[in-house]
Amino acid sequence: MNAINEKPEDLMNAMPWVNTSRKIRPQIINFVLESEIQSDCGEINLWSIKKTDTNELIGLIGVDNMTHQGGDLNFGYWVKYSFQKRGVASKVIPEVLKWLSKFHNSKTLEITVNPDNISGLATCKYIIRKMKLDENSFEETILLHHNKKVLYHTYMFPLKNIYWG
């Protein structure tokens, strides 16, 4: 909860389903418990990103099948505010993508990002450029974010033979 309390609006960007009119802690606990159950069933993969020397939680990466544009998997990530702009996402995301390309039977991965989330969009476009894909090629996705319709960009990634160079 310390990571969430550092900058709560980051949580709202990463998890738009959180209802801010209700207590956040039980919603997060419920999310973690449901994620454990779904992980055991193979419906979701959730990785925590921790600081090596202290074991401090500094982020999460999740992959599930709740897609918006017909991809096989949805990919999401969140980095704690005090660790943003340090290249954390850029270091760990390639490892997850490589793992997925080798060990998952899916063909297409989606990353859906709010274009107003400058850090999230920059990380997404960095991934696209590194994979030699067109950063201007995305699908528009309308999502309900705190009871408001919000335009998101959904980028599609092939999971076969991921090249990172």
N, C-alpha and C. Protein backbone atom coordinates (compact mmCIF):
# COMPACT_ATOMS: atom_id res chain seq x y z
N MET A 1 0.82 -1.19 0.00
CA MET A 1 0.00 0.00 0.00
C MET A 1 0.87 1.26 0.00
N ASN A 2 2.09 1.16 0.53
CA ASN A 2 2.97 2.33 0.52
C ASN A 2 3.25 2.78 -0.90
N ALA A 3 3.43 1.81 -1.80
CA ALA A 3 3.71 2.14 -3.20
C ALA A 3 2.52 2.86 -3.82
N ILE A 4 1.33 2.45 -3.49
CA ILE A 4 0.12 3.07 -4.03
C ILE A 4 -0.07 4.47 -3.45
N ASN A 5 0.17 4.60 -2.16
CA ASN A 5 -0.04 5.89 -1.49
C ASN A 5 0.95 6.96 -1.96
N GLU A 6 2.06 6.54 -2.56
CA GLU A 6 3.07 7.49 -3.01
C GLU A 6 2.49 8.47 -4.05
N LYS A 7 1.72 7.95 -4.98
CA LYS A 7 1.06 8.81 -5.97
C LYS A 7 -0.20 8.06 -6.46
N PRO A 8 -1.30 8.22 -5.74
CA PRO A 8 -2.52 7.45 -6.04
C PRO A 8 -3.04 7.60 -7.46
N GLU A 9 -2.82 8.76 -8.11
CA GLU A 9 -3.32 8.92 -9.48
C GLU A 9 -2.63 7.97 -10.46
N ASP A 10 -1.40 7.53 -10.13
CA ASP A 10 -0.73 6.52 -10.97
C ASP A 10 -1.49 5.20 -10.91
N LEU A 11 -2.00 4.88 -9.74
CA LEU A 11 -2.80 3.67 -9.59
C LEU A 11 -4.05 3.77 -10.46
N MET A 12 -4.66 4.95 -10.49
CA MET A 12 -5.88 5.13 -11.29
C MET A 12 -5.58 4.95 -12.78
N ASN A 13 -4.40 5.37 -13.22
CA ASN A 13 -4.02 5.17 -14.62
C ASN A 13 -3.76 3.70 -14.91
N ALA A 14 -3.12 3.01 -13.98
CA ALA A 14 -2.77 1.61 -14.21
C ALA A 14 -3.96 0.67 -14.01
N MET A 15 -4.86 1.05 -13.12
CA MET A 15 -5.99 0.19 -12.78
C MET A 15 -7.28 1.02 -12.82
N PRO A 16 -7.77 1.37 -14.02
CA PRO A 16 -8.93 2.26 -14.11
C PRO A 16 -10.20 1.67 -13.52
N TRP A 17 -10.21 0.39 -13.21
CA TRP A 17 -11.38 -0.23 -12.63
C TRP A 17 -11.53 0.08 -11.13
N VAL A 18 -10.48 0.62 -10.49
CA VAL A 18 -10.55 0.95 -9.07
C VAL A 18 -11.61 2.03 -8.87
N ASN A 19 -12.50 1.80 -7.94
CA ASN A 19 -13.57 2.74 -7.63
C ASN A 19 -13.10 3.67 -6.51
N THR A 20 -12.84 4.93 -6.85
CA THR A 20 -12.28 5.87 -5.90
C THR A 20 -13.28 6.29 -4.82
N SER A 21 -14.55 5.99 -5.00
CA SER A 21 -15.54 6.32 -3.97
C SER A 21 -15.63 5.23 -2.89
N ARG A 22 -14.91 4.14 -3.10
CA ARG A 22 -14.85 3.07 -2.10
C ARG A 22 -13.43 2.98 -1.56
N LYS A 23 -13.26 2.29 -0.46
CA LYS A 23 -11.92 2.11 0.11
C LYS A 23 -11.06 1.34 -0.89
N ILE A 24 -9.85 1.84 -1.09
CA ILE A 24 -8.96 1.26 -2.10
C ILE A 24 -8.31 -0.03 -1.61
N ARG A 25 -7.90 -0.07 -0.36
CA ARG A 25 -7.18 -1.23 0.16
C ARG A 25 -7.92 -2.56 -0.09
N PRO A 26 -9.23 -2.67 0.26
CA PRO A 26 -9.92 -3.95 -0.01
C PRO A 26 -9.98 -4.30 -1.50
N GLN A 27 -10.06 -3.28 -2.36
CA GLN A 27 -10.09 -3.54 -3.81
C GLN A 27 -8.76 -4.12 -4.28
N ILE A 28 -7.66 -3.58 -3.75
CA ILE A 28 -6.33 -4.07 -4.13
C ILE A 28 -6.13 -5.48 -3.58
N ILE A 29 -6.53 -5.71 -2.34
CA ILE A 29 -6.41 -7.05 -1.76
C ILE A 29 -7.21 -8.05 -2.59
N ASN A 30 -8.42 -7.67 -2.96
CA ASN A 30 -9.27 -8.53 -3.79
C ASN A 30 -8.61 -8.80 -5.14
N PHE A 31 -8.01 -7.76 -5.75
CA PHE A 31 -7.31 -7.92 -7.01
C PHE A 31 -6.16 -8.92 -6.88
N VAL A 32 -5.38 -8.79 -5.81
CA VAL A 32 -4.24 -9.68 -5.61
C VAL A 32 -4.72 -11.12 -5.41
N LEU A 33 -5.76 -11.31 -4.60
CA LEU A 33 -6.29 -12.66 -4.37
C LEU A 33 -6.86 -13.27 -5.64
N GLU A 34 -7.63 -12.48 -6.39
CA GLU A 34 -8.18 -12.97 -7.67
C GLU A 34 -7.05 -13.29 -8.65
N SER A 35 -6.02 -12.47 -8.65
CA SER A 35 -4.87 -12.71 -9.54
C SER A 35 -4.19 -14.02 -9.19
N GLU A 36 -4.07 -14.32 -7.91
CA GLU A 36 -3.47 -15.59 -7.47
C GLU A 36 -4.29 -16.77 -7.99
N ILE A 37 -5.61 -16.68 -7.86
CA ILE A 37 -6.49 -17.75 -8.32
C ILE A 37 -6.39 -17.89 -9.84
N GLN A 38 -6.46 -16.77 -10.55
CA GLN A 38 -6.37 -16.81 -12.01
C GLN A 38 -5.00 -17.29 -12.47
N SER A 39 -3.97 -16.95 -11.74
CA SER A 39 -2.62 -17.40 -12.08
C SER A 39 -2.52 -18.92 -11.96
N ASP A 40 -3.10 -19.46 -10.90
CA ASP A 40 -3.08 -20.91 -10.71
C ASP A 40 -3.83 -21.63 -11.82
N CYS A 41 -4.82 -20.97 -12.42
CA CYS A 41 -5.61 -21.56 -13.51
C CYS A 41 -5.01 -21.26 -14.88
N GLY A 42 -3.94 -20.48 -14.92
CA GLY A 42 -3.31 -20.12 -16.19
C GLY A 42 -4.01 -19.00 -16.94
N GLU A 43 -4.92 -18.27 -16.28
CA GLU A 43 -5.66 -17.21 -16.95
C GLU A 43 -4.94 -15.87 -16.90
N ILE A 44 -3.96 -15.73 -16.02
CA ILE A 44 -3.24 -14.48 -15.86
C ILE A 44 -1.81 -14.79 -15.43
N ASN A 45 -0.91 -13.95 -15.86
CA ASN A 45 0.46 -14.00 -15.35
C ASN A 45 0.73 -12.64 -14.72
N LEU A 46 1.19 -12.63 -13.50
CA LEU A 46 1.46 -11.39 -12.79
C LEU A 46 2.85 -11.49 -12.17
N TRP A 47 3.70 -10.53 -12.52
CA TRP A 47 5.05 -10.49 -11.98
C TRP A 47 5.21 -9.24 -11.13
N SER A 48 5.87 -9.38 -10.01
CA SER A 48 6.20 -8.20 -9.22
C SER A 48 7.63 -7.79 -9.56
N ILE A 49 7.86 -6.49 -9.56
CA ILE A 49 9.19 -5.95 -9.80
C ILE A 49 9.67 -5.44 -8.45
N LYS A 50 10.79 -5.98 -7.99
CA LYS A 50 11.29 -5.63 -6.67
C LYS A 50 12.71 -5.13 -6.74
N LYS A 51 13.03 -4.25 -5.83
CA LYS A 51 14.40 -3.75 -5.69
C LYS A 51 15.23 -4.87 -5.08
N THR A 52 16.31 -5.22 -5.72
CA THR A 52 17.07 -6.40 -5.35
C THR A 52 17.57 -6.37 -3.91
N ASP A 53 18.19 -5.29 -3.50
CA ASP A 53 18.82 -5.27 -2.18
C ASP A 53 17.85 -5.18 -1.01
N THR A 54 16.66 -4.61 -1.22
CA THR A 54 15.71 -4.43 -0.11
C THR A 54 14.43 -5.24 -0.26
N ASN A 55 14.21 -5.83 -1.43
CA ASN A 55 12.99 -6.58 -1.74
C ASN A 55 11.74 -5.68 -1.76
N GLU A 56 11.95 -4.37 -1.90
CA GLU A 56 10.87 -3.41 -1.95
C GLU A 56 10.10 -3.54 -3.26
N LEU A 57 8.76 -3.56 -3.19
CA LEU A 57 7.93 -3.61 -4.39
C LEU A 57 8.03 -2.27 -5.11
N ILE A 58 8.45 -2.33 -6.39
CA ILE A 58 8.55 -1.09 -7.16
C ILE A 58 7.71 -1.13 -8.42
N GLY A 59 7.04 -2.25 -8.69
CA GLY A 59 6.18 -2.29 -9.85
C GLY A 59 5.54 -3.65 -10.06
N LEU A 60 4.67 -3.70 -11.06
CA LEU A 60 3.97 -4.93 -11.45
C LEU A 60 3.90 -5.00 -12.97
N ILE A 61 3.91 -6.22 -13.47
CA ILE A 61 3.62 -6.48 -14.88
C ILE A 61 2.58 -7.58 -14.91
N GLY A 62 1.55 -7.39 -15.70
CA GLY A 62 0.49 -8.39 -15.79
C GLY A 62 0.12 -8.69 -17.23
N VAL A 63 -0.24 -9.93 -17.46
CA VAL A 63 -0.70 -10.37 -18.77
C VAL A 63 -1.95 -11.21 -18.53
N ASP A 64 -3.04 -10.85 -19.22
CA ASP A 64 -4.27 -11.63 -19.10
C ASP A 64 -4.97 -11.67 -20.46
N ASN A 65 -6.13 -12.29 -20.50
CA ASN A 65 -6.84 -12.42 -21.78
C ASN A 65 -8.00 -11.44 -21.92
N MET A 66 -8.01 -10.37 -21.15
CA MET A 66 -9.06 -9.33 -21.23
C MET A 66 -8.64 -8.29 -22.26
N THR A 67 -8.78 -8.63 -23.53
CA THR A 67 -8.31 -7.77 -24.61
C THR A 67 -9.43 -6.84 -25.11
N HIS A 68 -9.02 -5.84 -25.90
CA HIS A 68 -9.96 -4.85 -26.41
C HIS A 68 -10.09 -4.86 -27.93
N GLN A 69 -9.06 -5.34 -28.62
CA GLN A 69 -9.04 -5.24 -30.09
C GLN A 69 -8.78 -6.58 -30.76
N GLY A 70 -9.12 -7.67 -30.10
CA GLY A 70 -9.02 -8.99 -30.73
C GLY A 70 -7.67 -9.67 -30.59
N GLY A 71 -6.76 -9.11 -29.81
CA GLY A 71 -5.49 -9.79 -29.55
C GLY A 71 -5.71 -11.00 -28.66
N ASP A 72 -4.66 -11.77 -28.47
CA ASP A 72 -4.76 -12.95 -27.62
C ASP A 72 -4.56 -12.61 -26.15
N LEU A 73 -3.69 -11.64 -25.89
CA LEU A 73 -3.34 -11.27 -24.53
C LEU A 73 -3.31 -9.76 -24.35
N ASN A 74 -3.63 -9.32 -23.16
CA ASN A 74 -3.52 -7.92 -22.76
C ASN A 74 -2.29 -7.80 -21.85
N PHE A 75 -1.50 -6.78 -22.07
CA PHE A 75 -0.25 -6.57 -21.32
C PHE A 75 -0.34 -5.24 -20.59
N GLY A 76 -0.04 -5.24 -19.30
CA GLY A 76 -0.07 -4.00 -18.54
C GLY A 76 1.09 -3.94 -17.56
N TYR A 77 1.44 -2.73 -17.17
CA TYR A 77 2.54 -2.57 -16.22
C TYR A 77 2.32 -1.29 -15.42
N TRP A 78 2.94 -1.26 -14.26
CA TRP A 78 2.88 -0.10 -13.38
C TRP A 78 4.20 -0.03 -12.63
N VAL A 79 4.74 1.16 -12.51
CA VAL A 79 5.97 1.38 -11.76
C VAL A 79 5.69 2.46 -10.71
N LYS A 80 6.10 2.17 -9.49
CA LYS A 80 5.93 3.10 -8.37
C LYS A 80 6.54 4.46 -8.71
N TYR A 81 5.87 5.52 -8.30
CA TYR A 81 6.25 6.87 -8.68
C TYR A 81 7.73 7.17 -8.43
N SER A 82 8.26 6.81 -7.27
CA SER A 82 9.64 7.16 -6.94
C SER A 82 10.66 6.40 -7.78
N PHE A 83 10.20 5.40 -8.56
CA PHE A 83 11.10 4.65 -9.43
C PHE A 83 10.84 4.91 -10.91
N GLN A 84 9.89 5.80 -11.20
CA GLN A 84 9.64 6.15 -12.59
C GLN A 84 10.80 6.98 -13.13
N LYS A 85 10.94 6.96 -14.45
CA LYS A 85 11.99 7.71 -15.16
C LYS A 85 13.38 7.23 -14.78
N ARG A 86 13.48 5.95 -14.43
CA ARG A 86 14.77 5.33 -14.13
C ARG A 86 15.03 4.14 -15.06
N GLY A 87 14.14 3.93 -16.03
CA GLY A 87 14.33 2.84 -16.97
C GLY A 87 13.89 1.48 -16.46
N VAL A 88 13.14 1.44 -15.36
CA VAL A 88 12.71 0.16 -14.78
C VAL A 88 11.87 -0.63 -15.79
N ALA A 89 10.82 0.01 -16.32
CA ALA A 89 9.94 -0.68 -17.27
C ALA A 89 10.72 -1.11 -18.51
N SER A 90 11.61 -0.25 -18.98
CA SER A 90 12.38 -0.56 -20.19
C SER A 90 13.33 -1.74 -19.99
N LYS A 91 13.70 -1.99 -18.74
CA LYS A 91 14.59 -3.13 -18.44
C LYS A 91 13.82 -4.43 -18.30
N VAL A 92 12.66 -4.40 -17.66
CA VAL A 92 11.97 -5.65 -17.37
C VAL A 92 10.98 -6.07 -18.45
N ILE A 93 10.38 -5.13 -19.14
CA ILE A 93 9.39 -5.48 -20.17
C ILE A 93 9.98 -6.38 -21.26
N PRO A 94 11.18 -6.08 -21.78
CA PRO A 94 11.74 -6.98 -22.79
C PRO A 94 11.89 -8.43 -22.32
N GLU A 95 12.23 -8.61 -21.05
CA GLU A 95 12.38 -9.97 -20.52
C GLU A 95 11.04 -10.70 -20.50
N VAL A 96 9.99 -9.99 -20.12
CA VAL A 96 8.66 -10.60 -20.10
C VAL A 96 8.21 -10.92 -21.52
N LEU A 97 8.44 -10.00 -22.45
CA LEU A 97 8.06 -10.24 -23.85
C LEU A 97 8.81 -11.44 -24.44
N LYS A 98 10.09 -11.54 -24.14
CA LYS A 98 10.88 -12.69 -24.62
C LYS A 98 10.33 -13.99 -24.04
N TRP A 99 10.01 -13.98 -22.75
CA TRP A 99 9.45 -15.17 -22.11
C TRP A 99 8.14 -15.55 -22.76
N LEU A 100 7.26 -14.57 -22.95
CA LEU A 100 5.97 -14.84 -23.57
C LEU A 100 6.13 -15.41 -24.97
N SER A 101 7.07 -14.88 -25.74
CA SER A 101 7.25 -15.35 -27.11
C SER A 101 7.75 -16.78 -27.16
N LYS A 102 8.45 -17.22 -26.12
CA LYS A 102 8.99 -18.58 -26.10
C LYS A 102 8.05 -19.59 -25.47
N PHE A 103 7.31 -19.17 -24.45
CA PHE A 103 6.58 -20.14 -23.64
C PHE A 103 5.07 -20.01 -23.67
N HIS A 104 4.56 -19.07 -24.44
CA HIS A 104 3.10 -18.91 -24.51
C HIS A 104 2.65 -19.20 -25.93
N ASN A 105 1.49 -19.79 -26.06
CA ASN A 105 0.97 -20.17 -27.38
C ASN A 105 0.27 -19.02 -28.10
N SER A 106 0.20 -17.87 -27.49
CA SER A 106 -0.50 -16.73 -28.09
C SER A 106 0.30 -16.12 -29.23
N LYS A 107 -0.42 -15.45 -30.13
CA LYS A 107 0.23 -14.83 -31.29
C LYS A 107 0.30 -13.31 -31.19
N THR A 108 -0.71 -12.68 -30.58
CA THR A 108 -0.78 -11.22 -30.58
C THR A 108 -1.02 -10.69 -29.16
N LEU A 109 -0.23 -9.71 -28.81
CA LEU A 109 -0.30 -9.07 -27.51
C LEU A 109 -0.78 -7.64 -27.70
N GLU A 110 -1.65 -7.18 -26.81
CA GLU A 110 -2.13 -5.80 -26.84
C GLU A 110 -1.58 -5.02 -25.66
N ILE A 111 -1.19 -3.79 -25.91
CA ILE A 111 -0.92 -2.84 -24.84
C ILE A 111 -1.84 -1.65 -25.09
N THR A 112 -2.71 -1.39 -24.13
CA THR A 112 -3.64 -0.29 -24.25
C THR A 112 -3.21 0.80 -23.28
N VAL A 113 -2.98 2.00 -23.82
CA VAL A 113 -2.43 3.09 -23.02
C VAL A 113 -3.23 4.37 -23.26
N ASN A 114 -3.42 5.12 -22.21
CA ASN A 114 -4.05 6.42 -22.31
C ASN A 114 -3.03 7.38 -22.92
N PRO A 115 -3.32 7.99 -24.05
CA PRO A 115 -2.34 8.88 -24.69
C PRO A 115 -2.00 10.10 -23.83
N ASP A 116 -2.80 10.39 -22.82
CA ASP A 116 -2.49 11.49 -21.90
C ASP A 116 -1.52 11.05 -20.79
N ASN A 117 -1.29 9.74 -20.69
CA ASN A 117 -0.32 9.22 -19.72
C ASN A 117 1.04 9.26 -20.41
N ILE A 118 1.72 10.38 -20.28
CA ILE A 118 2.96 10.64 -21.02
C ILE A 118 4.01 9.57 -20.77
N SER A 119 4.21 9.18 -19.51
CA SER A 119 5.22 8.16 -19.20
C SER A 119 4.85 6.82 -19.79
N GLY A 120 3.57 6.44 -19.64
CA GLY A 120 3.12 5.15 -20.18
C GLY A 120 3.22 5.11 -21.69
N LEU A 121 2.85 6.20 -22.34
CA LEU A 121 2.93 6.28 -23.80
C LEU A 121 4.38 6.24 -24.26
N ALA A 122 5.26 6.93 -23.56
CA ALA A 122 6.69 6.93 -23.92
C ALA A 122 7.27 5.53 -23.80
N THR A 123 6.94 4.81 -22.74
CA THR A 123 7.44 3.45 -22.56
C THR A 123 6.91 2.55 -23.66
N CYS A 124 5.63 2.67 -23.96
CA CYS A 124 5.01 1.86 -25.01
C CYS A 124 5.68 2.13 -26.36
N LYS A 125 5.89 3.40 -26.69
CA LYS A 125 6.53 3.73 -27.97
C LYS A 125 7.99 3.29 -28.01
N TYR A 126 8.65 3.29 -26.87
CA TYR A 126 10.02 2.77 -26.80
C TYR A 126 10.04 1.28 -27.17
N ILE A 127 9.10 0.54 -26.61
CA ILE A 127 9.00 -0.89 -26.92
C ILE A 127 8.74 -1.09 -28.41
N ILE A 128 7.82 -0.29 -28.96
CA ILE A 128 7.48 -0.41 -30.38
C ILE A 128 8.70 -0.16 -31.26
N ARG A 129 9.43 0.90 -30.96
CA ARG A 129 10.63 1.22 -31.76
C ARG A 129 11.69 0.13 -31.65
N LYS A 130 11.89 -0.39 -30.44
CA LYS A 130 12.88 -1.45 -30.24
C LYS A 130 12.51 -2.72 -31.00
N MET A 131 11.21 -2.95 -31.18
CA MET A 131 10.75 -4.13 -31.90
C MET A 131 10.62 -3.87 -33.39
N LYS A 132 11.04 -2.68 -33.84
CA LYS A 132 11.00 -2.30 -35.26
C LYS A 132 9.57 -2.30 -35.80
N LEU A 133 8.62 -1.81 -34.98
CA LEU A 133 7.23 -1.70 -35.39
C LEU A 133 6.88 -0.22 -35.57
N ASP A 134 5.75 0.05 -36.18
CA ASP A 134 5.32 1.42 -36.45
C ASP A 134 4.61 2.00 -35.23
N GLU A 135 5.22 3.02 -34.61
CA GLU A 135 4.64 3.60 -33.40
C GLU A 135 3.38 4.41 -33.68
N ASN A 136 3.07 4.68 -34.93
CA ASN A 136 1.86 5.40 -35.29
C ASN A 136 0.72 4.47 -35.67
N SER A 137 0.95 3.17 -35.55
CA SER A 137 -0.07 2.19 -35.89
C SER A 137 -0.72 1.67 -34.60
N PHE A 138 -1.95 2.11 -34.35
CA PHE A 138 -2.68 1.68 -33.17
C PHE A 138 -4.17 1.72 -33.46
N GLU A 139 -4.91 1.03 -32.64
CA GLU A 139 -6.37 1.04 -32.72
C GLU A 139 -6.89 1.97 -31.63
N GLU A 140 -7.93 2.73 -31.92
CA GLU A 140 -8.55 3.55 -30.89
C GLU A 140 -9.51 2.69 -30.07
N THR A 141 -9.40 2.80 -28.77
CA THR A 141 -10.22 2.02 -27.85
C THR A 141 -10.88 2.98 -26.86
N ILE A 142 -12.18 2.88 -26.71
CA ILE A 142 -12.90 3.69 -25.74
C ILE A 142 -13.13 2.82 -24.51
N LEU A 143 -12.62 3.28 -23.36
CA LEU A 143 -12.80 2.56 -22.11
C LEU A 143 -13.50 3.45 -21.09
N LEU A 144 -14.24 2.82 -20.21
CA LEU A 144 -14.88 3.53 -19.12
C LEU A 144 -13.86 3.70 -18.01
N HIS A 145 -13.52 4.93 -17.69
CA HIS A 145 -12.51 5.25 -16.68
C HIS A 145 -13.17 6.17 -15.67
N HIS A 146 -13.49 5.62 -14.49
CA HIS A 146 -14.19 6.37 -13.45
C HIS A 146 -15.49 6.98 -13.98
N ASN A 147 -16.26 6.12 -14.64
CA ASN A 147 -17.58 6.48 -15.18
C ASN A 147 -17.53 7.51 -16.31
N LYS A 148 -16.38 7.70 -16.92
CA LYS A 148 -16.26 8.58 -18.09
C LYS A 148 -15.65 7.77 -19.23
N LYS A 149 -16.13 8.02 -20.44
CA LYS A 149 -15.54 7.38 -21.60
C LYS A 149 -14.24 8.09 -21.95
N VAL A 150 -13.16 7.29 -22.06
CA VAL A 150 -11.83 7.84 -22.32
C VAL A 150 -11.24 7.13 -23.53
N LEU A 151 -10.64 7.90 -24.43
CA LEU A 151 -9.98 7.35 -25.60
C LEU A 151 -8.60 6.83 -25.23
N TYR A 152 -8.33 5.58 -25.56
CA TYR A 152 -7.03 4.94 -25.36
C TYR A 152 -6.48 4.53 -26.70
N HIS A 153 -5.19 4.29 -26.76
CA HIS A 153 -4.54 3.72 -27.94
C HIS A 153 -4.18 2.27 -27.62
N THR A 154 -4.55 1.35 -28.50
CA THR A 154 -4.20 -0.05 -28.33
C THR A 154 -3.19 -0.43 -29.40
N TYR A 155 -2.02 -0.81 -28.96
CA TYR A 155 -0.94 -1.23 -29.85
C TYR A 155 -0.91 -2.75 -29.87
N MET A 156 -0.71 -3.32 -31.06
CA MET A 156 -0.69 -4.77 -31.24
C MET A 156 0.74 -5.22 -31.51
N PHE A 157 1.17 -6.24 -30.78
CA PHE A 157 2.53 -6.77 -30.90
C PHE A 157 2.49 -8.24 -31.30
N PRO A 158 3.24 -8.63 -32.31
CA PRO A 158 3.35 -10.06 -32.60
C PRO A 158 4.23 -10.70 -31.53
N LEU A 159 3.83 -11.89 -31.08
CA LEU A 159 4.62 -12.57 -30.06
C LEU A 159 5.58 -13.62 -30.63
N LYS A 160 5.60 -13.74 -31.93
CA LYS A 160 6.48 -14.73 -32.55
C LYS A 160 7.80 -14.08 -32.92
N ASN A 161 8.87 -14.72 -32.58
CA ASN A 161 10.21 -14.26 -32.95
C ASN A 161 10.46 -12.80 -32.56
N ILE A 162 10.23 -12.49 -31.32
CA ILE A 162 10.46 -11.12 -30.86
C ILE A 162 11.92 -10.77 -31.00
N TYR A 163 12.14 -9.67 -31.68
CA TYR A 163 13.51 -9.16 -31.86
C TYR A 163 13.65 -7.91 -31.00
N TRP A 164 14.69 -7.85 -30.23
CA TRP A 164 14.92 -6.70 -29.36
C TRP A 164 16.29 -6.16 -29.65
N GLY A 165 16.36 -5.17 -30.54
CA GLY A 165 17.68 -4.68 -30.87
C GLY A 165 17.70 -3.34 -31.50
